[in-house]
Amino acid sequence: MTLPRPAAGYDDRGMPSVPTLATGPLAAESPGTVRVVSPAELAARIGEVDVLDARDANPFRRGHVPGAAQVDWRDWAEQRPGLLGKALGDPSRWGRVASGPGVEERLRRLGLSATRETVLVGDPSGWGEEGRLAWSLLYWGAGRVALLDGGFPAWRDDPDRLVEAGGARPRTDGDFAVRLRPERRVETAALEEIVSRADEGLVLDARTPEEYGGARRYRERRGGHIPGAHLVPARSLYRPDGGYVDAEELRRLLPAGASAPVAYCTGGVRSALLAVLLEARLGLRARNYDGSMWEWAADARLPLESGDR
């Protein structure tokens, strides 16, 4: 297998470099970095990093990393989808990341800093919400984000680590400045052009084999997969013990020669985890199609295929 190339930018095959849009005074040259940290490393740095817990509010109240804030990815979408997408409004907007003027103020109210690393905590039994929030922060211009390997279960299972219960502690406003990084996401029109060229291996589908084959589980308008997409189920990104797969295993999940891919799922959550892990483990910059099937399938003129890969 040809190993993926780390991507410093995008070439003329539909992946052009996009100038940074700075909306705050702290705009930086770096597009941001993402990595995976162990529970032991996080424990050694409590108080030095910002911790965001991507799980639902009830599990968070039962126990969380000390000092963490609970964040629901759905509150940071253009339209908030309900459980399993059961919400009013236009389904084609459910997955799209919020980018309006209120985002910066909300991030500051979470206490996020322009200089500290933000560590995202999830649960391996979830949907990869920690990856969606990590990707969103990078899109908004965060300098450094990290994923906790094994999520909260890995933290909780060590009896020597403290676990807080109840709501989040009061937080002092941070100084996060939004600097949109549009090169981290892809719009429908750009993906349509990629698909029209039949670039094999460039599009990665992070859903289940059943969804890839045509099953509609979450109010998608149509079933199937984007033509030419390679299936990389989000569940395959976790080891049996709940940690993330290593670089060698992740390479085996990719098609030969994959470089600068686009990842999608139903609403840009599982695909965001895939995108940030490709970067953290392989140095491979992938774009997330946050509109994903909710947006693509809503447009009847866009092609879909059904059946197994």
C-alpha atoms as a PDB file:
ATOM      1  CA  MET A   1       0.000   0.000   0.000  1.00  0.00           C
ATOM      2  CA  THR A   2       1.199   3.503  -0.799  1.00  0.00           C
ATOM      3  CA  LEU A   3       1.322   5.461   2.436  1.00  0.00           C
ATOM      4  CA  PRO A   4      -0.713   8.666   2.625  1.00  0.00           C
ATOM      5  CA  ARG A   5       1.207  11.901   2.158  1.00  0.00           C
ATOM      6  CA  PRO A   6       1.009  14.531   4.868  1.00  0.00           C
ATOM      7  CA  ALA A   7      -0.814  17.444   3.299  1.00  0.00           C
ATOM      8  CA  ALA A   8       0.462  20.949   3.945  1.00  0.00           C
ATOM      9  CA  GLY A   9      -2.159  22.334   1.546  1.00  0.00           C
ATOM     10  CA  TYR A  10      -4.329  21.180  -1.327  1.00  0.00           C
ATOM     11  CA  ASP A  11      -3.439  20.712  -4.966  1.00  0.00           C
ATOM     12  CA  ASP A  12      -5.316  21.462  -8.179  1.00  0.00           C
ATOM     13  CA  ARG A  13      -7.278  18.191  -7.973  1.00  0.00           C
ATOM     14  CA  GLY A  14     -10.136  19.877  -6.188  1.00  0.00           C
ATOM     15  CA  MET A  15      -8.223  20.606  -2.968  1.00  0.00           C
ATOM     16  CA  PRO A  16      -7.077  24.228  -3.287  1.00  0.00           C
ATOM     17  CA  SER A  17      -5.460  26.067  -0.400  1.00  0.00           C
ATOM     18  CA  VAL A  18      -7.858  28.619   1.067  1.00  0.00           C
ATOM     19  CA  PRO A  19      -6.685  31.845   2.728  1.00  0.00           C
ATOM     20  CA  THR A  20      -7.340  32.072   6.444  1.00  0.00           C
ATOM     21  CA  LEU A  21     -10.231  34.297   7.469  1.00  0.00           C
ATOM     22  CA  ALA A  22      -9.252  36.170  10.637  1.00  0.00           C
ATOM     23  CA  THR A  23     -12.053  37.563  12.770  1.00  0.00           C
ATOM     24  CA  GLY A  24     -10.040  38.221  15.929  1.00  0.00           C
ATOM     25  CA  PRO A  25      -6.826  39.986  16.913  1.00  0.00           C
ATOM     26  CA  LEU A  26      -4.971  36.770  17.752  1.00  0.00           C
ATOM     27  CA  ALA A  27      -4.881  35.231  14.280  1.00  0.00           C
ATOM     28  CA  ALA A  28      -1.967  32.821  13.921  1.00  0.00           C
ATOM     29  CA  GLU A  29      -0.094  31.333  10.969  1.00  0.00           C
ATOM     30  CA  SER A  30      -0.577  27.745  12.163  1.00  0.00           C
ATOM     31  CA  PRO A  31      -3.748  25.961  11.014  1.00  0.00           C
ATOM     32  CA  GLY A  32      -3.830  24.162  14.364  1.00  0.00           C
ATOM     33  CA  THR A  33      -2.721  20.732  15.502  1.00  0.00           C
ATOM     34  CA  VAL A  34      -4.475  17.679  16.922  1.00  0.00           C
ATOM     35  CA  ARG A  35      -3.043  14.737  18.829  1.00  0.00           C
ATOM     36  CA  VAL A  36      -4.064  11.839  21.064  1.00  0.00           C
ATOM     37  CA  VAL A  37      -3.145  12.006  24.776  1.00  0.00           C
ATOM     38  CA  SER A  38      -3.199   9.281  27.394  1.00  0.00           C
ATOM     39  CA  PRO A  39      -5.135   9.524  30.660  1.00  0.00           C
ATOM     40  CA  ALA A  40      -1.801   9.632  32.495  1.00  0.00           C
ATOM     41  CA  GLU A  41      -0.675  12.661  30.479  1.00  0.00           C
ATOM     42  CA  LEU A  42      -3.959  14.451  31.072  1.00  0.00           C
ATOM     43  CA  ALA A  43      -3.766  13.701  34.802  1.00  0.00           C
ATOM     44  CA  ALA A  44      -0.313  15.282  34.919  1.00  0.00           C
ATOM     45  CA  ARG A  45      -1.602  18.427  33.214  1.00  0.00           C
ATOM     46  CA  ILE A  46      -4.909  19.067  34.994  1.00  0.00           C
ATOM     47  CA  GLY A  47      -5.145  22.823  35.516  1.00  0.00           C
ATOM     48  CA  GLU A  48      -2.858  23.506  32.557  1.00  0.00           C
ATOM     49  CA  VAL A  49      -5.286  22.501  29.809  1.00  0.00           C
ATOM     50  CA  ASP A  50      -8.948  23.144  29.051  1.00  0.00           C
ATOM     51  CA  VAL A  51     -11.075  19.986  29.213  1.00  0.00           C
ATOM     52  CA  LEU A  52     -14.357  19.616  27.308  1.00  0.00           C
ATOM     53  CA  ASP A  53     -16.549  16.561  27.824  1.00  0.00           C
ATOM     54  CA  ALA A  54     -18.515  15.614  24.694  1.00  0.00           C
ATOM     55  CA  ARG A  55     -20.861  13.159  26.423  1.00  0.00           C
ATOM     56  CA  ASP A  56     -24.501  13.887  27.236  1.00  0.00           C
ATOM     57  CA  ALA A  57     -25.392  15.877  30.323  1.00  0.00           C
ATOM     58  CA  ASN A  58     -26.617  12.954  32.471  1.00  0.00           C
ATOM     59  CA  PRO A  59     -23.440  10.833  32.197  1.00  0.00           C
ATOM     60  CA  PHE A  60     -21.411  14.006  32.749  1.00  0.00           C
ATOM     61  CA  ARG A  61     -23.233  14.768  36.013  1.00  0.00           C
ATOM     62  CA  ARG A  62     -22.618  11.226  37.235  1.00  0.00           C
ATOM     63  CA  GLY A  63     -18.884  11.682  36.800  1.00  0.00           C
ATOM     64  CA  HIS A  64     -16.319  13.612  34.770  1.00  0.00           C
ATOM     65  CA  VAL A  65     -12.692  14.724  34.645  1.00  0.00           C
ATOM     66  CA  PRO A  66     -12.143  17.414  37.301  1.00  0.00           C
ATOM     67  CA  GLY A  67     -12.666  20.899  35.914  1.00  0.00           C
ATOM     68  CA  ALA A  68     -14.270  19.716  32.662  1.00  0.00           C
ATOM     69  CA  ALA A  69     -17.152  21.523  30.956  1.00  0.00           C
ATOM     70  CA  GLN A  70     -19.909  19.552  29.226  1.00  0.00           C
ATOM     71  CA  VAL A  71     -20.489  20.437  25.560  1.00  0.00           C
ATOM     72  CA  ASP A  72     -23.087  18.966  23.186  1.00  0.00           C
ATOM     73  CA  TRP A  73     -22.031  19.108  19.532  1.00  0.00           C
ATOM     74  CA  ARG A  74     -25.661  19.656  18.515  1.00  0.00           C
ATOM     75  CA  ASP A  75     -25.626  23.041  20.227  1.00  0.00           C
ATOM     76  CA  TRP A  76     -22.842  24.058  17.820  1.00  0.00           C
ATOM     77  CA  ALA A  77     -24.623  23.200  14.559  1.00  0.00           C
ATOM     78  CA  GLU A  78     -26.511  25.631  12.310  1.00  0.00           C
ATOM     79  CA  GLN A  79     -29.753  23.881  13.278  1.00  0.00           C
ATOM     80  CA  ARG A  80     -29.856  21.684  16.343  1.00  0.00           C
ATOM     81  CA  PRO A  81     -30.895  18.128  15.484  1.00  0.00           C
ATOM     82  CA  GLY A  82     -32.696  16.219  18.201  1.00  0.00           C
ATOM     83  CA  LEU A  83     -32.048  12.644  19.244  1.00  0.00           C
ATOM     84  CA  LEU A  84     -31.232  10.615  16.127  1.00  0.00           C
ATOM     85  CA  GLY A  85     -32.082  13.598  13.962  1.00  0.00           C
ATOM     86  CA  LYS A  86     -35.696  13.883  15.141  1.00  0.00           C
ATOM     87  CA  ALA A  87     -36.101  17.641  14.988  1.00  0.00           C
ATOM     88  CA  LEU A  88     -38.064  20.266  13.132  1.00  0.00           C
ATOM     89  CA  GLY A  89     -36.447  22.387  10.475  1.00  0.00           C
ATOM     90  CA  ASP A  90     -34.478  21.607   7.350  1.00  0.00           C
ATOM     91  CA  PRO A  91     -32.579  18.293   7.692  1.00  0.00           C
ATOM     92  CA  SER A  92     -30.003  19.470   5.173  1.00  0.00           C
ATOM     93  CA  ARG A  93     -28.768  21.979   7.778  1.00  0.00           C
ATOM     94  CA  TRP A  94     -28.591  19.671  10.788  1.00  0.00           C
ATOM     95  CA  GLY A  95     -24.953  18.693  10.407  1.00  0.00           C
ATOM     96  CA  ARG A  96     -23.450  22.008   9.327  1.00  0.00           C
ATOM     97  CA  VAL A  97     -21.110  23.575  11.863  1.00  0.00           C
ATOM     98  CA  ALA A  98     -22.113  26.947  13.306  1.00  0.00           C
ATOM     99  CA  SER A  99     -19.934  29.852  12.264  1.00  0.00           C
ATOM    100  CA  GLY A 100     -21.951  32.964  13.093  1.00  0.00           C
ATOM    101  CA  PRO A 101     -20.843  35.925  15.182  1.00  0.00           C
ATOM    102  CA  GLY A 102     -22.011  34.378  18.454  1.00  0.00           C
ATOM    103  CA  VAL A 103     -19.604  31.437  18.318  1.00  0.00           C
ATOM    104  CA  GLU A 104     -16.615  33.348  19.670  1.00  0.00           C
ATOM    105  CA  GLU A 105     -18.512  34.692  22.675  1.00  0.00           C
ATOM    106  CA  ARG A 106     -19.836  31.220  23.528  1.00  0.00           C
ATOM    107  CA  LEU A 107     -16.359  29.696  23.286  1.00  0.00           C
ATOM    108  CA  ARG A 108     -15.036  32.367  25.609  1.00  0.00           C
ATOM    109  CA  ARG A 109     -17.807  31.663  28.108  1.00  0.00           C
ATOM    110  CA  LEU A 110     -16.549  28.072  28.201  1.00  0.00           C
ATOM    111  CA  GLY A 111     -13.255  29.513  29.418  1.00  0.00           C
ATOM    112  CA  LEU A 112     -11.307  28.500  26.335  1.00  0.00           C
ATOM    113  CA  SER A 113      -7.962  30.167  25.857  1.00  0.00           C
ATOM    114  CA  ALA A 114      -6.021  31.211  22.799  1.00  0.00           C
ATOM    115  CA  THR A 115      -2.853  29.688  24.264  1.00  0.00           C
ATOM    116  CA  ARG A 116      -3.855  26.561  26.232  1.00  0.00           C
ATOM    117  CA  GLU A 117      -4.470  23.178  24.697  1.00  0.00           C
ATOM    118  CA  THR A 118      -8.058  21.875  24.747  1.00  0.00           C
ATOM    119  CA  VAL A 119      -8.552  18.172  25.498  1.00  0.00           C
ATOM    120  CA  LEU A 120     -11.771  16.511  24.298  1.00  0.00           C
ATOM    121  CA  VAL A 121     -13.228  13.637  26.323  1.00  0.00           C
ATOM    122  CA  GLY A 122     -15.711  11.219  24.782  1.00  0.00           C
ATOM    123  CA  ASP A 123     -16.963   7.675  25.224  1.00  0.00           C
ATOM    124  CA  PRO A 124     -15.987   4.822  22.882  1.00  0.00           C
ATOM    125  CA  SER A 125     -19.615   3.649  22.881  1.00  0.00           C
ATOM    126  CA  GLY A 126     -20.774   6.988  21.460  1.00  0.00           C
ATOM    127  CA  TRP A 127     -20.801   8.522  18.005  1.00  0.00           C
ATOM    128  CA  GLY A 128     -17.357  10.129  18.040  1.00  0.00           C
ATOM    129  CA  GLU A 129     -18.736  13.404  19.397  1.00  0.00           C
ATOM    130  CA  GLU A 130     -15.314  14.254  20.809  1.00  0.00           C
ATOM    131  CA  GLY A 131     -13.957  14.163  17.269  1.00  0.00           C
ATOM    132  CA  ARG A 132     -16.698  16.461  16.009  1.00  0.00           C
ATOM    133  CA  LEU A 133     -15.895  19.022  18.708  1.00  0.00           C
ATOM    134  CA  ALA A 134     -12.141  18.709  18.121  1.00  0.00           C
ATOM    135  CA  TRP A 135     -12.672  19.273  14.394  1.00  0.00           C
ATOM    136  CA  SER A 136     -15.026  22.203  15.088  1.00  0.00           C
ATOM    137  CA  LEU A 137     -12.450  23.872  17.329  1.00  0.00           C
ATOM    138  CA  LEU A 138      -9.802  23.470  14.637  1.00  0.00           C
ATOM    139  CA  TYR A 139     -12.208  24.938  12.075  1.00  0.00           C
ATOM    140  CA  TRP A 140     -12.816  27.896  14.383  1.00  0.00           C
ATOM    141  CA  GLY A 141      -9.071  28.442  14.666  1.00  0.00           C
ATOM    142  CA  ALA A 142      -7.911  26.631  17.816  1.00  0.00           C
ATOM    143  CA  GLY A 143      -4.155  26.267  17.989  1.00  0.00           C
ATOM    144  CA  ARG A 144      -3.941  22.942  19.824  1.00  0.00           C
ATOM    145  CA  VAL A 145      -6.551  20.280  20.503  1.00  0.00           C
ATOM    146  CA  ALA A 146      -6.241  16.712  21.742  1.00  0.00           C
ATOM    147  CA  LEU A 147      -8.396  13.595  22.091  1.00  0.00           C
ATOM    148  CA  LEU A 148      -8.279  11.578  25.313  1.00  0.00           C
ATOM    149  CA  ASP A 149      -7.372   8.003  24.398  1.00  0.00           C
ATOM    150  CA  GLY A 150     -10.070   5.669  25.694  1.00  0.00           C
ATOM    151  CA  GLY A 151     -12.345   8.559  26.653  1.00  0.00           C
ATOM    152  CA  PHE A 152     -13.878   8.932  30.084  1.00  0.00           C
ATOM    153  CA  PRO A 153     -14.001   5.142  30.777  1.00  0.00           C
ATOM    154  CA  ALA A 154     -10.196   5.013  30.565  1.00  0.00           C
ATOM    155  CA  TRP A 155      -9.965   7.915  33.019  1.00  0.00           C
ATOM    156  CA  ARG A 156     -12.543   6.475  35.420  1.00  0.00           C
ATOM    157  CA  ASP A 157     -11.077   2.964  35.481  1.00  0.00           C
ATOM    158  CA  ASP A 158      -7.924   4.064  37.329  1.00  0.00           C
ATOM    159  CA  PRO A 159      -8.892   4.261  41.032  1.00  0.00           C
ATOM    160  CA  ASP A 160      -6.082   6.746  41.684  1.00  0.00           C
ATOM    161  CA  ARG A 161      -7.676   9.398  39.460  1.00  0.00           C
ATOM    162  CA  LEU A 162     -10.181  11.864  40.841  1.00  0.00           C
ATOM    163  CA  VAL A 163     -13.686  11.970  39.372  1.00  0.00           C
ATOM    164  CA  GLU A 164     -16.015  14.935  39.889  1.00  0.00           C
ATOM    165  CA  ALA A 165     -19.794  14.602  39.951  1.00  0.00           C
ATOM    166  CA  GLY A 166     -22.539  17.160  39.440  1.00  0.00           C
ATOM    167  CA  GLY A 167     -22.494  20.174  37.160  1.00  0.00           C
ATOM    168  CA  ALA A 168     -19.471  21.960  35.803  1.00  0.00           C
ATOM    169  CA  ARG A 169     -17.549  24.412  37.978  1.00  0.00           C
ATOM    170  CA  PRO A 170     -18.040  28.143  37.373  1.00  0.00           C
ATOM    171  CA  ARG A 171     -15.651  29.289  34.651  1.00  0.00           C
ATOM    172  CA  THR A 172     -13.765  32.491  33.995  1.00  0.00           C
ATOM    173  CA  ASP A 173     -14.208  33.803  30.453  1.00  0.00           C
ATOM    174  CA  GLY A 174     -11.387  32.886  28.122  1.00  0.00           C
ATOM    175  CA  ASP A 175      -9.813  34.816  25.269  1.00  0.00           C
ATOM    176  CA  PHE A 176     -10.517  32.483  22.341  1.00  0.00           C
ATOM    177  CA  ALA A 177     -10.492  34.380  19.027  1.00  0.00           C
ATOM    178  CA  VAL A 178     -12.282  32.789  16.074  1.00  0.00           C
ATOM    179  CA  ARG A 179     -10.111  32.448  12.957  1.00  0.00           C
ATOM    180  CA  LEU A 180     -12.081  30.341  10.496  1.00  0.00           C
ATOM    181  CA  ARG A 181     -10.109  27.621   8.703  1.00  0.00           C
ATOM    182  CA  PRO A 182     -12.311  26.814   5.685  1.00  0.00           C
ATOM    183  CA  GLU A 183      -9.680  24.410   4.351  1.00  0.00           C
ATOM    184  CA  ARG A 184     -10.803  21.988   7.069  1.00  0.00           C
ATOM    185  CA  ARG A 185     -14.284  21.463   5.634  1.00  0.00           C
ATOM    186  CA  VAL A 186     -15.845  20.892   2.231  1.00  0.00           C
ATOM    187  CA  GLU A 187     -19.044  22.283   0.758  1.00  0.00           C
ATOM    188  CA  THR A 188     -21.459  20.247  -1.339  1.00  0.00           C
ATOM    189  CA  ALA A 189     -20.504  21.938  -4.625  1.00  0.00           C
ATOM    190  CA  ALA A 190     -16.811  21.123  -4.174  1.00  0.00           C
ATOM    191  CA  LEU A 191     -17.582  17.519  -3.269  1.00  0.00           C
ATOM    192  CA  GLU A 192     -19.885  17.203  -6.278  1.00  0.00           C
ATOM    193  CA  GLU A 193     -16.963  18.213  -8.506  1.00  0.00           C
ATOM    194  CA  ILE A 194     -14.670  15.642  -6.867  1.00  0.00           C
ATOM    195  CA  VAL A 195     -17.267  12.916  -7.353  1.00  0.00           C
ATOM    196  CA  SER A 196     -17.774  13.863 -11.006  1.00  0.00           C
ATOM    197  CA  ARG A 197     -14.081  13.116 -11.628  1.00  0.00           C
ATOM    198  CA  ALA A 198     -14.389   9.672  -9.997  1.00  0.00           C
ATOM    199  CA  ASP A 199     -11.285  10.151  -7.865  1.00  0.00           C
ATOM    200  CA  GLU A 200     -11.016   6.697  -6.316  1.00  0.00           C
ATOM    201  CA  GLY A 201     -10.218   6.668  -2.626  1.00  0.00           C
ATOM    202  CA  LEU A 202     -10.657  10.396  -2.197  1.00  0.00           C
ATOM    203  CA  VAL A 203     -14.038  10.118  -0.434  1.00  0.00           C
ATOM    204  CA  LEU A 204     -14.294   8.167   2.840  1.00  0.00           C
ATOM    205  CA  ASP A 205     -17.626   7.025   4.322  1.00  0.00           C
ATOM    206  CA  ALA A 206     -17.536   6.694   8.140  1.00  0.00           C
ATOM    207  CA  ARG A 207     -20.975   5.053   8.519  1.00  0.00           C
ATOM    208  CA  THR A 208     -21.903   1.411   9.013  1.00  0.00           C
ATOM    209  CA  PRO A 209     -21.890  -1.158   6.184  1.00  0.00           C
ATOM    210  CA  GLU A 210     -25.708  -1.242   6.390  1.00  0.00           C
ATOM    211  CA  GLU A 211     -25.978   2.527   5.883  1.00  0.00           C
ATOM    212  CA  TYR A 212     -23.421   2.376   3.091  1.00  0.00           C
ATOM    213  CA  GLY A 213     -25.570  -0.253   1.392  1.00  0.00           C
ATOM    214  CA  GLY A 214     -28.708   1.873   1.540  1.00  0.00           C
ATOM    215  CA  ALA A 215     -30.246   1.684   5.025  1.00  0.00           C
ATOM    216  CA  ARG A 216     -31.783   4.960   6.200  1.00  0.00           C
ATOM    217  CA  ARG A 217     -31.562   5.250   9.973  1.00  0.00           C
ATOM    218  CA  TYR A 218     -31.564   8.948  10.814  1.00  0.00           C
ATOM    219  CA  ARG A 219     -34.138  10.664   8.593  1.00  0.00           C
ATOM    220  CA  GLU A 220     -31.962  10.884   5.520  1.00  0.00           C
ATOM    221  CA  ARG A 221     -34.059  11.749   2.462  1.00  0.00           C
ATOM    222  CA  ARG A 222     -32.443   8.964   0.423  1.00  0.00           C
ATOM    223  CA  GLY A 223     -30.258   5.953   1.171  1.00  0.00           C
ATOM    224  CA  GLY A 224     -26.980   4.707  -0.265  1.00  0.00           C
ATOM    225  CA  HIS A 225     -23.491   6.156  -0.498  1.00  0.00           C
ATOM    226  CA  ILE A 226     -21.675   8.816  -2.487  1.00  0.00           C
ATOM    227  CA  PRO A 227     -20.325   7.243  -5.688  1.00  0.00           C
ATOM    228  CA  GLY A 228     -16.779   5.961  -5.358  1.00  0.00           C
ATOM    229  CA  ALA A 229     -16.716   6.342  -1.558  1.00  0.00           C
ATOM    230  CA  HIS A 230     -14.525   3.949   0.418  1.00  0.00           C
ATOM    231  CA  LEU A 231     -16.079   2.582   3.609  1.00  0.00           C
ATOM    232  CA  VAL A 232     -14.173   3.252   6.855  1.00  0.00           C
ATOM    233  CA  PRO A 233     -16.723   2.594   9.633  1.00  0.00           C
ATOM    234  CA  ALA A 234     -16.279   4.809  12.659  1.00  0.00           C
ATOM    235  CA  ARG A 235     -16.430   1.735  14.925  1.00  0.00           C
ATOM    236  CA  SER A 236     -13.242   0.499  13.262  1.00  0.00           C
ATOM    237  CA  LEU A 237     -11.406   3.541  14.652  1.00  0.00           C
ATOM    238  CA  TYR A 238     -11.533   2.085  18.183  1.00  0.00           C
ATOM    239  CA  ARG A 239      -9.560  -0.799  19.647  1.00  0.00           C
ATOM    240  CA  PRO A 240     -11.449  -3.460  21.647  1.00  0.00           C
ATOM    241  CA  ASP A 241     -10.334  -1.739  24.879  1.00  0.00           C
ATOM    242  CA  GLY A 242     -11.880   1.568  23.748  1.00  0.00           C
ATOM    243  CA  GLY A 243      -8.696   3.369  22.748  1.00  0.00           C
ATOM    244  CA  TYR A 244      -8.108   4.692  19.254  1.00  0.00           C
ATOM    245  CA  VAL A 245      -6.387   2.462  16.699  1.00  0.00           C
ATOM    246  CA  ASP A 246      -2.723   3.159  16.063  1.00  0.00           C
ATOM    247  CA  ALA A 247      -1.195   4.505  12.857  1.00  0.00           C
ATOM    248  CA  GLU A 248      -0.511   1.066  11.371  1.00  0.00           C
ATOM    249  CA  GLU A 249      -4.088  -0.116  11.796  1.00  0.00           C
ATOM    250  CA  LEU A 250      -5.486   3.167  10.525  1.00  0.00           C
ATOM    251  CA  ARG A 251      -3.413   2.871   7.335  1.00  0.00           C
ATOM    252  CA  ARG A 252      -4.861  -0.582   6.729  1.00  0.00           C
ATOM    253  CA  LEU A 253      -8.367   0.897   6.770  1.00  0.00           C
ATOM    254  CA  LEU A 254      -7.586   3.330   3.939  1.00  0.00           C
ATOM    255  CA  PRO A 255      -7.571   2.711   0.195  1.00  0.00           C
ATOM    256  CA  ALA A 256      -4.168   2.569  -1.454  1.00  0.00           C
ATOM    257  CA  GLY A 257      -2.722   5.960  -2.275  1.00  0.00           C
ATOM    258  CA  ALA A 258      -5.304   7.987  -0.364  1.00  0.00           C
ATOM    259  CA  SER A 259      -4.243  11.599   0.061  1.00  0.00           C
ATOM    260  CA  ALA A 260      -6.160  14.726   1.100  1.00  0.00           C
ATOM    261  CA  PRO A 261      -9.446  12.812   1.424  1.00  0.00           C
ATOM    262  CA  VAL A 262     -12.927  14.049   2.246  1.00  0.00           C
ATOM    263  CA  ALA A 263     -14.782  12.235   5.048  1.00  0.00           C
ATOM    264  CA  TYR A 264     -18.566  12.110   5.468  1.00  0.00           C
ATOM    265  CA  CYS A 265     -21.218  10.235   7.460  1.00  0.00           C
ATOM    266  CA  THR A 266     -24.819  11.220   8.294  1.00  0.00           C
ATOM    267  CA  GLY A 267     -24.276  14.595   9.957  1.00  0.00           C
ATOM    268  CA  GLY A 268     -20.524  15.138  10.031  1.00  0.00           C
ATOM    269  CA  VAL A 269     -19.888  13.630  13.484  1.00  0.00           C
ATOM    270  CA  ARG A 270     -18.385  10.194  12.817  1.00  0.00           C
ATOM    271  CA  SER A 271     -16.576  11.647   9.806  1.00  0.00           C
ATOM    272  CA  ALA A 272     -15.078  14.412  11.943  1.00  0.00           C
ATOM    273  CA  LEU A 273     -13.551  11.791  14.236  1.00  0.00           C
ATOM    274  CA  LEU A 274     -12.110  10.027  11.200  1.00  0.00           C
ATOM    275  CA  ALA A 275     -10.698  13.299   9.867  1.00  0.00           C
ATOM    276  CA  VAL A 276      -8.961  14.313  13.098  1.00  0.00           C
ATOM    277  CA  LEU A 277      -7.575  10.818  13.726  1.00  0.00           C
ATOM    278  CA  LEU A 278      -6.092  10.743  10.224  1.00  0.00           C
ATOM    279  CA  GLU A 279      -4.290  13.938  11.120  1.00  0.00           C
ATOM    280  CA  ALA A 280      -3.294  12.930  14.659  1.00  0.00           C
ATOM    281  CA  ARG A 281      -2.054   9.451  13.733  1.00  0.00           C
ATOM    282  CA  LEU A 282      -0.812   9.871  10.146  1.00  0.00           C
ATOM    283  CA  GLY A 283      -0.295  13.597   9.621  1.00  0.00           C
ATOM    284  CA  LEU A 284      -2.834  13.328   6.809  1.00  0.00           C
ATOM    285  CA  ARG A 285      -5.023  16.411   6.454  1.00  0.00           C
ATOM    286  CA  ALA A 286      -8.574  15.352   5.663  1.00  0.00           C
ATOM    287  CA  ARG A 287     -11.559  17.620   5.135  1.00  0.00           C
ATOM    288  CA  ASN A 288     -14.879  16.931   6.826  1.00  0.00           C
ATOM    289  CA  TYR A 289     -18.115  17.190   4.878  1.00  0.00           C
ATOM    290  CA  ASP A 290     -20.175  18.339   7.831  1.00  0.00           C
ATOM    291  CA  GLY A 291     -23.388  18.504   5.809  1.00  0.00           C
ATOM    292  CA  SER A 292     -22.871  14.818   4.984  1.00  0.00           C
ATOM    293  CA  MET A 293     -25.841  12.619   4.042  1.00  0.00           C
ATOM    294  CA  TRP A 294     -28.403  14.914   5.620  1.00  0.00           C
ATOM    295  CA  GLU A 295     -27.372  17.542   3.078  1.00  0.00           C
ATOM    296  CA  TRP A 296     -26.294  15.405   0.118  1.00  0.00           C
ATOM    297  CA  ALA A 297     -29.345  13.122   0.134  1.00  0.00           C
ATOM    298  CA  ALA A 298     -31.702  16.091   0.408  1.00  0.00           C
ATOM    299  CA  ASP A 299     -30.693  17.229  -3.090  1.00  0.00           C
ATOM    300  CA  ALA A 300     -32.383  14.830  -5.531  1.00  0.00           C
ATOM    301  CA  ARG A 301     -30.053  15.757  -8.386  1.00  0.00           C
ATOM    302  CA  LEU A 302     -26.927  14.484  -6.552  1.00  0.00           C
ATOM    303  CA  PRO A 303     -25.941  10.884  -7.289  1.00  0.00           C
ATOM    304  CA  LEU A 304     -26.105   8.028  -4.786  1.00  0.00           C
ATOM    305  CA  GLU A 305     -25.216   4.371  -5.138  1.00  0.00           C
ATOM    306  CA  SER A 306     -26.519   1.423  -3.117  1.00  0.00           C
ATOM    307  CA  GLY A 307     -25.133  -2.014  -2.389  1.00  0.00           C
ATOM    308  CA  ASP A 308     -21.958  -3.230  -0.710  1.00  0.00           C
ATOM    309  CA  ARG A 309     -18.558  -1.831  -1.401  1.00  0.00           C
END
